[in-house]
Full PDB file with SEQRES, HELIX, SHEET, SSBOND, CRYST1, ORIGX, SCALE, CONECT and MASTER records, all heavy atoms in Angstrom:
SEQRES   1 A   36  GLU ASN LEU HIS SER ALA ASP LEU GLU GLU LEU GLY GLY          
SEQRES   2 A   36  LEU GLU PHE PRO GLN ILE ASN TYR SER GLN TYR ASN GLY          
SEQRES   3 A   36  LYS LYS TYR ARG PHE PHE TYR GLY CYS GLY                      
HELIX    1 AA1 ASP A    7  GLU A   10  1                                   4    
HELIX    2 AA2 TYR A   21  TYR A   24  1                                   4    
SHEET    1 AA1 2 GLU A  15  GLN A  18  0                                        
SHEET    2 AA1 2 TYR A  33  CYS A  35 -1                                        
CRYST1    1.000    1.000    1.000  90.00  90.00  90.00 P 1           1          
ORIGX1      1.000000  0.000000  0.000000        0.00000                         
ORIGX2      0.000000  1.000000  0.000000        0.00000                         
ORIGX3      0.000000  0.000000  1.000000        0.00000                         
SCALE1      1.000000  0.000000  0.000000        0.00000                         
SCALE2      0.000000  1.000000  0.000000        0.00000                         
SCALE3      0.000000  0.000000  1.000000        0.00000                         
ATOM      1  N   GLU A   1       0.862  -1.181   0.000  1.00  0.00           N  
ATOM      2  CA  GLU A   1       0.000   0.000   0.000  1.00  0.00           C  
ATOM      3  C   GLU A   1       0.896   1.228   0.000  1.00  0.00           C  
ATOM      4  O   GLU A   1       1.896   1.287   0.738  1.00  0.00           O  
ATOM      5  CB  GLU A   1      -0.868   0.023   1.261  1.00  0.00           C  
ATOM      6  CG  GLU A   1      -1.673   1.313   1.420  1.00  0.00           C  
ATOM      7  CD  GLU A   1      -2.233   1.512   2.815  1.00  0.00           C  
ATOM      8  OE1 GLU A   1      -1.913   0.711   3.718  1.00  0.00           O  
ATOM      9  OE2 GLU A   1      -2.993   2.486   3.009  1.00  0.00           O  
ATOM     10  N   ASN A   2       0.576   2.228  -0.816  1.00  0.00           N  
ATOM     11  CA  ASN A   2       1.295   3.489  -0.779  1.00  0.00           C  
ATOM     12  C   ASN A   2       0.861   4.284   0.445  1.00  0.00           C  
ATOM     13  O   ASN A   2      -0.342   4.453   0.686  1.00  0.00           O  
ATOM     14  CB  ASN A   2       1.036   4.306  -2.039  1.00  0.00           C  
ATOM     15  CG  ASN A   2       1.698   3.705  -3.259  1.00  0.00           C  
ATOM     16  OD1 ASN A   2       2.762   3.095  -3.168  1.00  0.00           O  
ATOM     17  ND2 ASN A   2       1.078   3.869  -4.415  1.00  0.00           N  
ATOM     18  N   LEU A   3       1.838   4.767   1.211  1.00  0.00           N  
ATOM     19  CA  LEU A   3       1.535   5.512   2.433  1.00  0.00           C  
ATOM     20  C   LEU A   3       1.547   7.015   2.202  1.00  0.00           C  
ATOM     21  O   LEU A   3       1.899   7.786   3.092  1.00  0.00           O  
ATOM     22  CB  LEU A   3       2.548   5.147   3.523  1.00  0.00           C  
ATOM     23  CG  LEU A   3       2.520   3.704   4.012  1.00  0.00           C  
ATOM     24  CD1 LEU A   3       3.595   3.484   5.068  1.00  0.00           C  
ATOM     25  CD2 LEU A   3       1.147   3.335   4.563  1.00  0.00           C  
ATOM     26  N   HIS A   4       1.162   7.434   1.022  1.00  0.00           N  
ATOM     27  CA  HIS A   4       1.240   8.855   0.696  1.00  0.00           C  
ATOM     28  C   HIS A   4       0.160   9.207  -0.320  1.00  0.00           C  
ATOM     29  O   HIS A   4      -0.414   8.333  -0.980  1.00  0.00           O  
ATOM     30  CB  HIS A   4       2.611   9.194   0.116  1.00  0.00           C  
ATOM     31  CG  HIS A   4       2.910   8.474  -1.173  1.00  0.00           C  
ATOM     32  ND1 HIS A   4       2.591   8.989  -2.413  1.00  0.00           N  
ATOM     33  CD2 HIS A   4       3.474   7.267  -1.415  1.00  0.00           C  
ATOM     34  CE1 HIS A   4       2.946   8.137  -3.356  1.00  0.00           C  
ATOM     35  NE2 HIS A   4       3.494   7.088  -2.785  1.00  0.00           N  
ATOM     36  N   SER A   5      -0.075  10.499  -0.458  1.00  0.00           N  
ATOM     37  CA  SER A   5      -0.988  11.016  -1.473  1.00  0.00           C  
ATOM     38  C   SER A   5      -0.178  11.436  -2.696  1.00  0.00           C  
ATOM     39  O   SER A   5       1.061  11.409  -2.693  1.00  0.00           O  
ATOM     40  CB  SER A   5      -1.769  12.211  -0.927  1.00  0.00           C  
ATOM     41  OG  SER A   5      -0.883  13.290  -0.647  1.00  0.00           O  
ATOM     42  N   ALA A   6      -0.876  11.867  -3.724  1.00  0.00           N  
ATOM     43  CA  ALA A   6      -0.210  12.300  -4.956  1.00  0.00           C  
ATOM     44  C   ALA A   6       0.665  13.526  -4.728  1.00  0.00           C  
ATOM     45  O   ALA A   6       1.589  13.790  -5.513  1.00  0.00           O  
ATOM     46  CB  ALA A   6      -1.248  12.572  -6.037  1.00  0.00           C  
ATOM     47  N   ASP A   7       0.389  14.274  -3.661  1.00  0.00           N  
ATOM     48  CA  ASP A   7       1.166  15.489  -3.399  1.00  0.00           C  
ATOM     49  C   ASP A   7       2.646  15.196  -3.189  1.00  0.00           C  
ATOM     50  O   ASP A   7       3.503  16.025  -3.506  1.00  0.00           O  
ATOM     51  CB  ASP A   7       0.618  16.210  -2.158  1.00  0.00           C  
ATOM     52  CG  ASP A   7      -0.783  16.753  -2.371  1.00  0.00           C  
ATOM     53  OD1 ASP A   7      -1.181  16.913  -3.538  1.00  0.00           O  
ATOM     54  OD2 ASP A   7      -1.481  17.003  -1.365  1.00  0.00           O  
ATOM     55  N   LEU A   8       2.956  14.016  -2.651  1.00  0.00           N  
ATOM     56  CA  LEU A   8       4.354  13.695  -2.393  1.00  0.00           C  
ATOM     57  C   LEU A   8       5.142  13.542  -3.690  1.00  0.00           C  
ATOM     58  O   LEU A   8       6.344  13.824  -3.726  1.00  0.00           O  
ATOM     59  CB  LEU A   8       4.459  12.406  -1.559  1.00  0.00           C  
ATOM     60  CG  LEU A   8       5.867  11.978  -1.151  1.00  0.00           C  
ATOM     61  CD1 LEU A   8       6.557  13.053  -0.317  1.00  0.00           C  
ATOM     62  CD2 LEU A   8       5.842  10.664  -0.384  1.00  0.00           C  
ATOM     63  N   GLU A   9       4.514  13.109  -4.748  1.00  0.00           N  
ATOM     64  CA  GLU A   9       5.204  12.942  -6.020  1.00  0.00           C  
ATOM     65  C   GLU A   9       5.725  14.277  -6.542  1.00  0.00           C  
ATOM     66  O   GLU A   9       6.780  14.339  -7.174  1.00  0.00           O  
ATOM     67  CB  GLU A   9       4.274  12.269  -7.027  1.00  0.00           C  
ATOM     68  CG  GLU A   9       3.854  10.861  -6.577  1.00  0.00           C  
ATOM     69  CD  GLU A   9       2.910  10.186  -7.554  1.00  0.00           C  
ATOM     70  OE1 GLU A   9       2.840  10.646  -8.712  1.00  0.00           O  
ATOM     71  OE2 GLU A   9       2.267   9.199  -7.150  1.00  0.00           O  
ATOM     72  N   GLU A  10       5.004  15.359  -6.267  1.00  0.00           N  
ATOM     73  CA  GLU A  10       5.450  16.681  -6.696  1.00  0.00           C  
ATOM     74  C   GLU A  10       6.684  17.130  -5.918  1.00  0.00           C  
ATOM     75  O   GLU A  10       7.457  17.968  -6.394  1.00  0.00           O  
ATOM     76  CB  GLU A  10       4.326  17.691  -6.521  1.00  0.00           C  
ATOM     77  CG  GLU A  10       3.090  17.400  -7.379  1.00  0.00           C  
ATOM     78  CD  GLU A  10       1.983  18.411  -7.154  1.00  0.00           C  
ATOM     79  OE1 GLU A  10       2.239  19.428  -6.443  1.00  0.00           O  
ATOM     80  OE2 GLU A  10       0.878  18.198  -7.675  1.00  0.00           O  
ATOM     81  N   LEU A  11       6.873  16.575  -4.704  1.00  0.00           N  
ATOM     82  CA  LEU A  11       8.032  16.940  -3.885  1.00  0.00           C  
ATOM     83  C   LEU A  11       9.219  16.011  -4.112  1.00  0.00           C  
ATOM     84  O   LEU A  11      10.234  16.126  -3.437  1.00  0.00           O  
ATOM     85  CB  LEU A  11       7.644  16.934  -2.400  1.00  0.00           C  
ATOM     86  CG  LEU A  11       6.679  18.035  -1.970  1.00  0.00           C  
ATOM     87  CD1 LEU A  11       6.243  17.825  -0.531  1.00  0.00           C  
ATOM     88  CD2 LEU A  11       7.311  19.411  -2.130  1.00  0.00           C  
ATOM     89  N   GLY A  12       9.097  15.072  -5.059  1.00  0.00           N  
ATOM     90  CA  GLY A  12      10.227  14.213  -5.419  1.00  0.00           C  
ATOM     91  C   GLY A  12      10.392  12.991  -4.550  1.00  0.00           C  
ATOM     92  O   GLY A  12      11.477  12.407  -4.498  1.00  0.00           O  
ATOM     93  N   GLY A  13       9.329  12.571  -3.841  1.00  0.00           N  
ATOM     94  CA  GLY A  13       9.454  11.396  -2.983  1.00  0.00           C  
ATOM     95  C   GLY A  13      10.008  11.744  -1.624  1.00  0.00           C  
ATOM     96  O   GLY A  13      10.185  12.924  -1.270  1.00  0.00           O  
ATOM     97  N   LEU A  14      10.318  10.714  -0.817  1.00  0.00           N  
ATOM     98  CA  LEU A  14      10.736  10.917   0.570  1.00  0.00           C  
ATOM     99  C   LEU A  14      11.806   9.908   0.960  1.00  0.00           C  
ATOM    100  O   LEU A  14      11.722   8.727   0.614  1.00  0.00           O  
ATOM    101  CB  LEU A  14       9.527  10.780   1.497  1.00  0.00           C  
ATOM    102  CG  LEU A  14       9.737  10.937   3.006  1.00  0.00           C  
ATOM    103  CD1 LEU A  14       8.516  11.588   3.652  1.00  0.00           C  
ATOM    104  CD2 LEU A  14      10.001   9.595   3.684  1.00  0.00           C  
ATOM    105  N   GLU A  15      12.808  10.396   1.655  1.00  0.00           N  
ATOM    106  CA  GLU A  15      13.854   9.533   2.227  1.00  0.00           C  
ATOM    107  C   GLU A  15      14.228  10.052   3.614  1.00  0.00           C  
ATOM    108  O   GLU A  15      13.696  11.042   4.080  1.00  0.00           O  
ATOM    109  CB  GLU A  15      15.086   9.485   1.317  1.00  0.00           C  
ATOM    110  CG  GLU A  15      15.168   8.221   0.456  1.00  0.00           C  
ATOM    111  CD  GLU A  15      15.388   6.948   1.274  1.00  0.00           C  
ATOM    112  OE1 GLU A  15      15.522   7.038   2.513  1.00  0.00           O  
ATOM    113  OE2 GLU A  15      15.419   5.868   0.681  1.00  0.00           O  
ATOM    114  N   PHE A  16      15.183   9.362   4.242  1.00  0.00           N  
ATOM    115  CA  PHE A  16      15.612   9.650   5.609  1.00  0.00           C  
ATOM    116  C   PHE A  16      14.410   9.674   6.566  1.00  0.00           C  
ATOM    117  O   PHE A  16      14.220  10.625   7.329  1.00  0.00           O  
ATOM    118  CB  PHE A  16      16.370  10.977   5.697  1.00  0.00           C  
ATOM    119  CG  PHE A  16      17.643  11.020   4.895  1.00  0.00           C  
ATOM    120  CD1 PHE A  16      18.184  12.244   4.508  1.00  0.00           C  
ATOM    121  CD2 PHE A  16      18.302   9.866   4.519  1.00  0.00           C  
ATOM    122  CE1 PHE A  16      19.365  12.301   3.781  1.00  0.00           C  
ATOM    123  CE2 PHE A  16      19.481   9.912   3.792  1.00  0.00           C  
ATOM    124  CZ  PHE A  16      20.009  11.123   3.418  1.00  0.00           C  
ATOM    125  N   PRO A  17      13.587   8.620   6.586  1.00  0.00           N  
ATOM    126  CA  PRO A  17      12.400   8.630   7.439  1.00  0.00           C  
ATOM    127  C   PRO A  17      12.741   8.509   8.915  1.00  0.00           C  
ATOM    128  O   PRO A  17      13.701   7.837   9.293  1.00  0.00           O  
ATOM    129  CB  PRO A  17      11.621   7.400   6.951  1.00  0.00           C  
ATOM    130  CG  PRO A  17      12.698   6.458   6.482  1.00  0.00           C  
ATOM    131  CD  PRO A  17      13.744   7.344   5.862  1.00  0.00           C  
ATOM    132  N   GLN A  18      11.941   9.168   9.742  1.00  0.00           N  
ATOM    133  CA  GLN A  18      12.095   9.095  11.193  1.00  0.00           C  
ATOM    134  C   GLN A  18      10.717   9.040  11.841  1.00  0.00           C  
ATOM    135  O   GLN A  18       9.739   9.551  11.285  1.00  0.00           O  
ATOM    136  CB  GLN A  18      12.857  10.308  11.721  1.00  0.00           C  
ATOM    137  CG  GLN A  18      14.346  10.281  11.448  1.00  0.00           C  
ATOM    138  CD  GLN A  18      15.074   9.243  12.270  1.00  0.00           C  
ATOM    139  OE1 GLN A  18      14.673   8.922  13.381  1.00  0.00           O  
ATOM    140  NE2 GLN A  18      16.154   8.713  11.736  1.00  0.00           N  
ATOM    141  N   ILE A  19      10.649   8.432  13.030  1.00  0.00           N  
ATOM    142  CA  ILE A  19       9.418   8.371  13.816  1.00  0.00           C  
ATOM    143  C   ILE A  19       9.730   8.785  15.252  1.00  0.00           C  
ATOM    144  O   ILE A  19      10.874   9.108  15.583  1.00  0.00           O  
ATOM    145  CB  ILE A  19       8.819   6.940  13.810  1.00  0.00           C  
ATOM    146  CG1 ILE A  19       9.794   5.954  14.490  1.00  0.00           C  
ATOM    147  CG2 ILE A  19       8.473   6.490  12.404  1.00  0.00           C  
ATOM    148  CD1 ILE A  19       9.188   4.585  14.769  1.00  0.00           C  
ATOM    149  N   ASN A  20       8.716   8.770  16.082  1.00  0.00           N  
ATOM    150  CA  ASN A  20       8.900   8.907  17.532  1.00  0.00           C  
ATOM    151  C   ASN A  20       9.458   7.573  18.017  1.00  0.00           C  
ATOM    152  O   ASN A  20       8.734   6.723  18.528  1.00  0.00           O  
ATOM    153  CB  ASN A  20       7.561   9.243  18.200  1.00  0.00           C  
ATOM    154  CG  ASN A  20       7.685   9.464  19.696  1.00  0.00           C  
ATOM    155  OD1 ASN A  20       8.668   9.086  20.325  1.00  0.00           O  
ATOM    156  ND2 ASN A  20       6.657  10.070  20.273  1.00  0.00           N  
ATOM    157  N   TYR A  21      10.772   7.372  17.832  1.00  0.00           N  
ATOM    158  CA  TYR A  21      11.398   6.055  17.982  1.00  0.00           C  
ATOM    159  C   TYR A  21      11.307   5.521  19.399  1.00  0.00           C  
ATOM    160  O   TYR A  21      10.988   4.345  19.616  1.00  0.00           O  
ATOM    161  CB  TYR A  21      12.856   6.132  17.533  1.00  0.00           C  
ATOM    162  CG  TYR A  21      13.538   4.786  17.408  1.00  0.00           C  
ATOM    163  CD1 TYR A  21      13.619   4.131  16.178  1.00  0.00           C  
ATOM    164  CD2 TYR A  21      14.116   4.156  18.510  1.00  0.00           C  
ATOM    165  CE1 TYR A  21      14.239   2.906  16.054  1.00  0.00           C  
ATOM    166  CE2 TYR A  21      14.730   2.926  18.399  1.00  0.00           C  
ATOM    167  CZ  TYR A  21      14.797   2.306  17.169  1.00  0.00           C  
ATOM    168  OH  TYR A  21      15.413   1.071  17.050  1.00  0.00           O  
ATOM    169  N   SER A  22      11.590   6.359  20.387  1.00  0.00           N  
ATOM    170  CA  SER A  22      11.680   5.871  21.766  1.00  0.00           C  
ATOM    171  C   SER A  22      10.354   5.326  22.276  1.00  0.00           C  
ATOM    172  O   SER A  22      10.325   4.455  23.144  1.00  0.00           O  
ATOM    173  CB  SER A  22      12.182   6.987  22.683  1.00  0.00           C  
ATOM    174  OG  SER A  22      11.268   8.079  22.693  1.00  0.00           O  
ATOM    175  N   GLN A  23       9.245   5.814  21.726  1.00  0.00           N  
ATOM    176  CA  GLN A  23       7.938   5.405  22.233  1.00  0.00           C  
ATOM    177  C   GLN A  23       7.151   4.524  21.267  1.00  0.00           C  
ATOM    178  O   GLN A  23       6.247   3.803  21.693  1.00  0.00           O  
ATOM    179  CB  GLN A  23       7.111   6.650  22.579  1.00  0.00           C  
ATOM    180  CG  GLN A  23       7.738   7.493  23.685  1.00  0.00           C  
ATOM    181  CD  GLN A  23       6.955   8.766  23.962  1.00  0.00           C  
ATOM    182  OE1 GLN A  23       5.754   8.839  23.750  1.00  0.00           O  
ATOM    183  NE2 GLN A  23       7.652   9.796  24.425  1.00  0.00           N  
ATOM    184  N   TYR A  24       7.502   4.551  19.967  1.00  0.00           N  
ATOM    185  CA  TYR A  24       6.664   3.845  18.990  1.00  0.00           C  
ATOM    186  C   TYR A  24       7.422   2.882  18.093  1.00  0.00           C  
ATOM    187  O   TYR A  24       6.808   2.253  17.232  1.00  0.00           O  
ATOM    188  CB  TYR A  24       5.890   4.856  18.130  1.00  0.00           C  
ATOM    189  CG  TYR A  24       4.755   5.501  18.893  1.00  0.00           C  
ATOM    190  CD1 TYR A  24       4.974   6.648  19.653  1.00  0.00           C  
ATOM    191  CD2 TYR A  24       3.474   4.952  18.883  1.00  0.00           C  
ATOM    192  CE1 TYR A  24       3.941   7.236  20.380  1.00  0.00           C  
ATOM    193  CE2 TYR A  24       2.439   5.528  19.597  1.00  0.00           C  
ATOM    194  CZ  TYR A  24       2.680   6.669  20.344  1.00  0.00           C  
ATOM    195  OH  TYR A  24       1.656   7.236  21.060  1.00  0.00           O  
ATOM    196  N   ASN A  25       8.723   2.747  18.254  1.00  0.00           N  
ATOM    197  CA  ASN A  25       9.419   1.772  17.428  1.00  0.00           C  
ATOM    198  C   ASN A  25       8.926   0.363  17.750  1.00  0.00           C  
ATOM    199  O   ASN A  25       8.846  -0.031  18.914  1.00  0.00           O  
ATOM    200  CB  ASN A  25      10.932   1.840  17.651  1.00  0.00           C  
ATOM    201  CG  ASN A  25      11.684   0.952  16.688  1.00  0.00           C  
ATOM    202  OD1 ASN A  25      11.533   1.078  15.477  1.00  0.00           O  
ATOM    203  ND2 ASN A  25      12.485   0.040  17.217  1.00  0.00           N  
ATOM    204  N   GLY A  26       8.576  -0.409  16.719  1.00  0.00           N  
ATOM    205  CA  GLY A  26       8.061  -1.759  16.918  1.00  0.00           C  
ATOM    206  C   GLY A  26       6.603  -1.806  17.319  1.00  0.00           C  
ATOM    207  O   GLY A  26       6.084  -2.883  17.623  1.00  0.00           O  
ATOM    208  N   LYS A  27       5.936  -0.645  17.334  1.00  0.00           N  
ATOM    209  CA  LYS A  27       4.530  -0.571  17.747  1.00  0.00           C  
ATOM    210  C   LYS A  27       3.707   0.090  16.643  1.00  0.00           C  
ATOM    211  O   LYS A  27       4.231   0.794  15.785  1.00  0.00           O  
ATOM    212  CB  LYS A  27       4.400   0.237  19.040  1.00  0.00           C  
ATOM    213  CG  LYS A  27       5.198  -0.324  20.206  1.00  0.00           C  
ATOM    214  CD  LYS A  27       5.106   0.592  21.417  1.00  0.00           C  
ATOM    215  CE  LYS A  27       5.950   0.068  22.569  1.00  0.00           C  
ATOM    216  NZ  LYS A  27       5.909   0.985  23.739  1.00  0.00           N  
ATOM    217  N   LYS A  28       2.405  -0.137  16.694  1.00  0.00           N  
ATOM    218  CA  LYS A  28       1.512   0.531  15.761  1.00  0.00           C  
ATOM    219  C   LYS A  28       1.604   2.034  15.990  1.00  0.00           C  
ATOM    220  O   LYS A  28       1.581   2.505  17.125  1.00  0.00           O  
ATOM    221  CB  LYS A  28       0.079   0.039  15.954  1.00  0.00           C  
ATOM    222  CG  LYS A  28      -0.851   0.411  14.818  1.00  0.00           C  
ATOM    223  CD  LYS A  28      -2.215  -0.258  14.987  1.00  0.00           C  
ATOM    224  CE  LYS A  28      -3.140   0.058  13.826  1.00  0.00           C  
ATOM    225  NZ  LYS A  28      -4.465  -0.597  13.981  1.00  0.00           N  
ATOM    226  N   TYR A  29       1.694   2.798  14.919  1.00  0.00           N  
ATOM    227  CA  TYR A  29       1.954   4.229  15.014  1.00  0.00           C  
ATOM    228  C   TYR A  29       1.169   4.947  13.928  1.00  0.00           C  
ATOM    229  O   TYR A  29       0.517   4.326  13.078  1.00  0.00           O  
ATOM    230  CB  TYR A  29       3.452   4.502  14.874  1.00  0.00           C  
ATOM    231  CG  TYR A  29       3.977   4.270  13.463  1.00  0.00           C  
ATOM    232  CD1 TYR A  29       4.480   5.324  12.711  1.00  0.00           C  
ATOM    233  CD2 TYR A  29       3.922   3.009  12.862  1.00  0.00           C  
ATOM    234  CE1 TYR A  29       4.938   5.131  11.415  1.00  0.00           C  
ATOM    235  CE2 TYR A  29       4.387   2.811  11.583  1.00  0.00           C  
ATOM    236  CZ  TYR A  29       4.879   3.866  10.857  1.00  0.00           C  
ATOM    237  OH  TYR A  29       5.320   3.681   9.568  1.00  0.00           O  
ATOM    238  N   ARG A  30       1.264   6.280  13.914  1.00  0.00           N  
ATOM    239  CA  ARG A  30       0.464   7.056  12.956  1.00  0.00           C  
ATOM    240  C   ARG A  30       1.277   8.030  12.119  1.00  0.00           C  
ATOM    241  O   ARG A  30       0.926   8.295  10.971  1.00  0.00           O  
ATOM    242  CB  ARG A  30      -0.633   7.822  13.703  1.00  0.00           C  
ATOM    243  CG  ARG A  30      -1.546   8.614  12.791  1.00  0.00           C  
ATOM    244  CD  ARG A  30      -2.747   9.181  13.523  1.00  0.00           C  
ATOM    245  NE  ARG A  30      -3.572   9.994  12.642  1.00  0.00           N  
ATOM    246  CZ  ARG A  30      -4.724  10.549  12.994  1.00  0.00           C  
ATOM    247  NH1 ARG A  30      -5.197  10.368  14.235  1.00  0.00           N  
ATOM    248  NH2 ARG A  30      -5.423  11.278  12.134  1.00  0.00           N  
ATOM    249  N   PHE A  31       2.369   8.570  12.661  1.00  0.00           N  
ATOM    250  CA  PHE A  31       3.080   9.644  11.963  1.00  0.00           C  
ATOM    251  C   PHE A  31       4.532   9.263  11.674  1.00  0.00           C  
ATOM    252  O   PHE A  31       5.178   8.571  12.460  1.00  0.00           O  
ATOM    253  CB  PHE A  31       3.086  10.926  12.818  1.00  0.00           C  
ATOM    254  CG  PHE A  31       1.719  11.408  13.199  1.00  0.00           C  
ATOM    255  CD1 PHE A  31       1.257  11.245  14.503  1.00  0.00           C  
ATOM    256  CD2 PHE A  31       0.894  12.029  12.277  1.00  0.00           C  
ATOM    257  CE1 PHE A  31       0.003  11.692  14.874  1.00  0.00           C  
ATOM    258  CE2 PHE A  31      -0.369  12.478  12.638  1.00  0.00           C  
ATOM    259  CZ  PHE A  31      -0.820  12.309  13.940  1.00  0.00           C  
ATOM    260  N   PHE A  32       5.025   9.744  10.539  1.00  0.00           N  
ATOM    261  CA  PHE A  32       6.459   9.681  10.294  1.00  0.00           C  
ATOM    262  C   PHE A  32       6.893  10.942   9.561  1.00  0.00           C  
ATOM    263  O   PHE A  32       6.081  11.685   9.006  1.00  0.00           O  
ATOM    264  CB  PHE A  32       6.871   8.409   9.537  1.00  0.00           C  
ATOM    265  CG  PHE A  32       6.395   8.317   8.116  1.00  0.00           C  
ATOM    266  CD1 PHE A  32       7.177   8.751   7.061  1.00  0.00           C  
ATOM    267  CD2 PHE A  32       5.157   7.763   7.822  1.00  0.00           C  
ATOM    268  CE1 PHE A  32       6.749   8.658   5.753  1.00  0.00           C  
ATOM    269  CE2 PHE A  32       4.705   7.648   6.523  1.00  0.00           C  
ATOM    270  CZ  PHE A  32       5.502   8.099   5.478  1.00  0.00           C  
ATOM    271  N   TYR A  33       8.210  11.179   9.570  1.00  0.00           N  
ATOM    272  CA  TYR A  33       8.797  12.410   9.046  1.00  0.00           C  
ATOM    273  C   TYR A  33       9.933  12.038   8.097  1.00  0.00           C  
ATOM    274  O   TYR A  33      10.511  10.953   8.194  1.00  0.00           O  
ATOM    275  CB  TYR A  33       9.332  13.273  10.196  1.00  0.00           C  
ATOM    276  CG  TYR A  33       8.362  13.411  11.340  1.00  0.00           C  
ATOM    277  CD1 TYR A  33       8.305  12.445  12.351  1.00  0.00           C  
ATOM    278  CD2 TYR A  33       7.482  14.480  11.413  1.00  0.00           C  
ATOM    279  CE1 TYR A  33       7.396  12.550  13.393  1.00  0.00           C  
ATOM    280  CE2 TYR A  33       6.565  14.595  12.459  1.00  0.00           C  
ATOM    281  CZ  TYR A  33       6.530  13.616  13.445  1.00  0.00           C  
ATOM    282  OH  TYR A  33       5.626  13.719  14.461  1.00  0.00           O  
ATOM    283  N   GLY A  34      10.273  12.943   7.178  1.00  0.00           N  
ATOM    284  CA  GLY A  34      11.363  12.648   6.260  1.00  0.00           C  
ATOM    285  C   GLY A  34      11.752  13.867   5.458  1.00  0.00           C  
ATOM    286  O   GLY A  34      11.196  14.964   5.618  1.00  0.00           O  
ATOM    287  N   CYS A  35      12.728  13.668   4.555  1.00  0.00           N  
ATOM    288  CA  CYS A  35      13.161  14.708   3.627  1.00  0.00           C  
ATOM    289  C   CYS A  35      12.508  14.473   2.272  1.00  0.00           C  
ATOM    290  O   CYS A  35      12.533  13.356   1.752  1.00  0.00           O  
ATOM    291  CB  CYS A  35      14.679  14.673   3.448  1.00  0.00           C  
ATOM    292  SG  CYS A  35      15.609  15.443   4.784  1.00  0.00           S  
ATOM    293  N   GLY A  36      11.950  15.541   1.711  1.00  0.00           N  
ATOM    294  CA  GLY A  36      11.498  15.478   0.332  1.00  0.00           C  
ATOM    295  C   GLY A  36      12.663  15.740  -0.597  1.00  0.00           C  
ATOM    296  O   GLY A  36      13.427  16.688  -0.380  1.00  0.00           O  
TER     297      GLY A  36                                                      
MASTER        0    0    0    2    2    0    0    6  296    1    0    3          
END                                                                             
């Protein structure tokens, strides 16, 4: 499943992803961050 909308394609995709690691790594989560 693609985890993004069409808007991300205009920004050139995403890399260097990060999450709230200390509290949600290995757990069900909702948000992540990255570089376009």
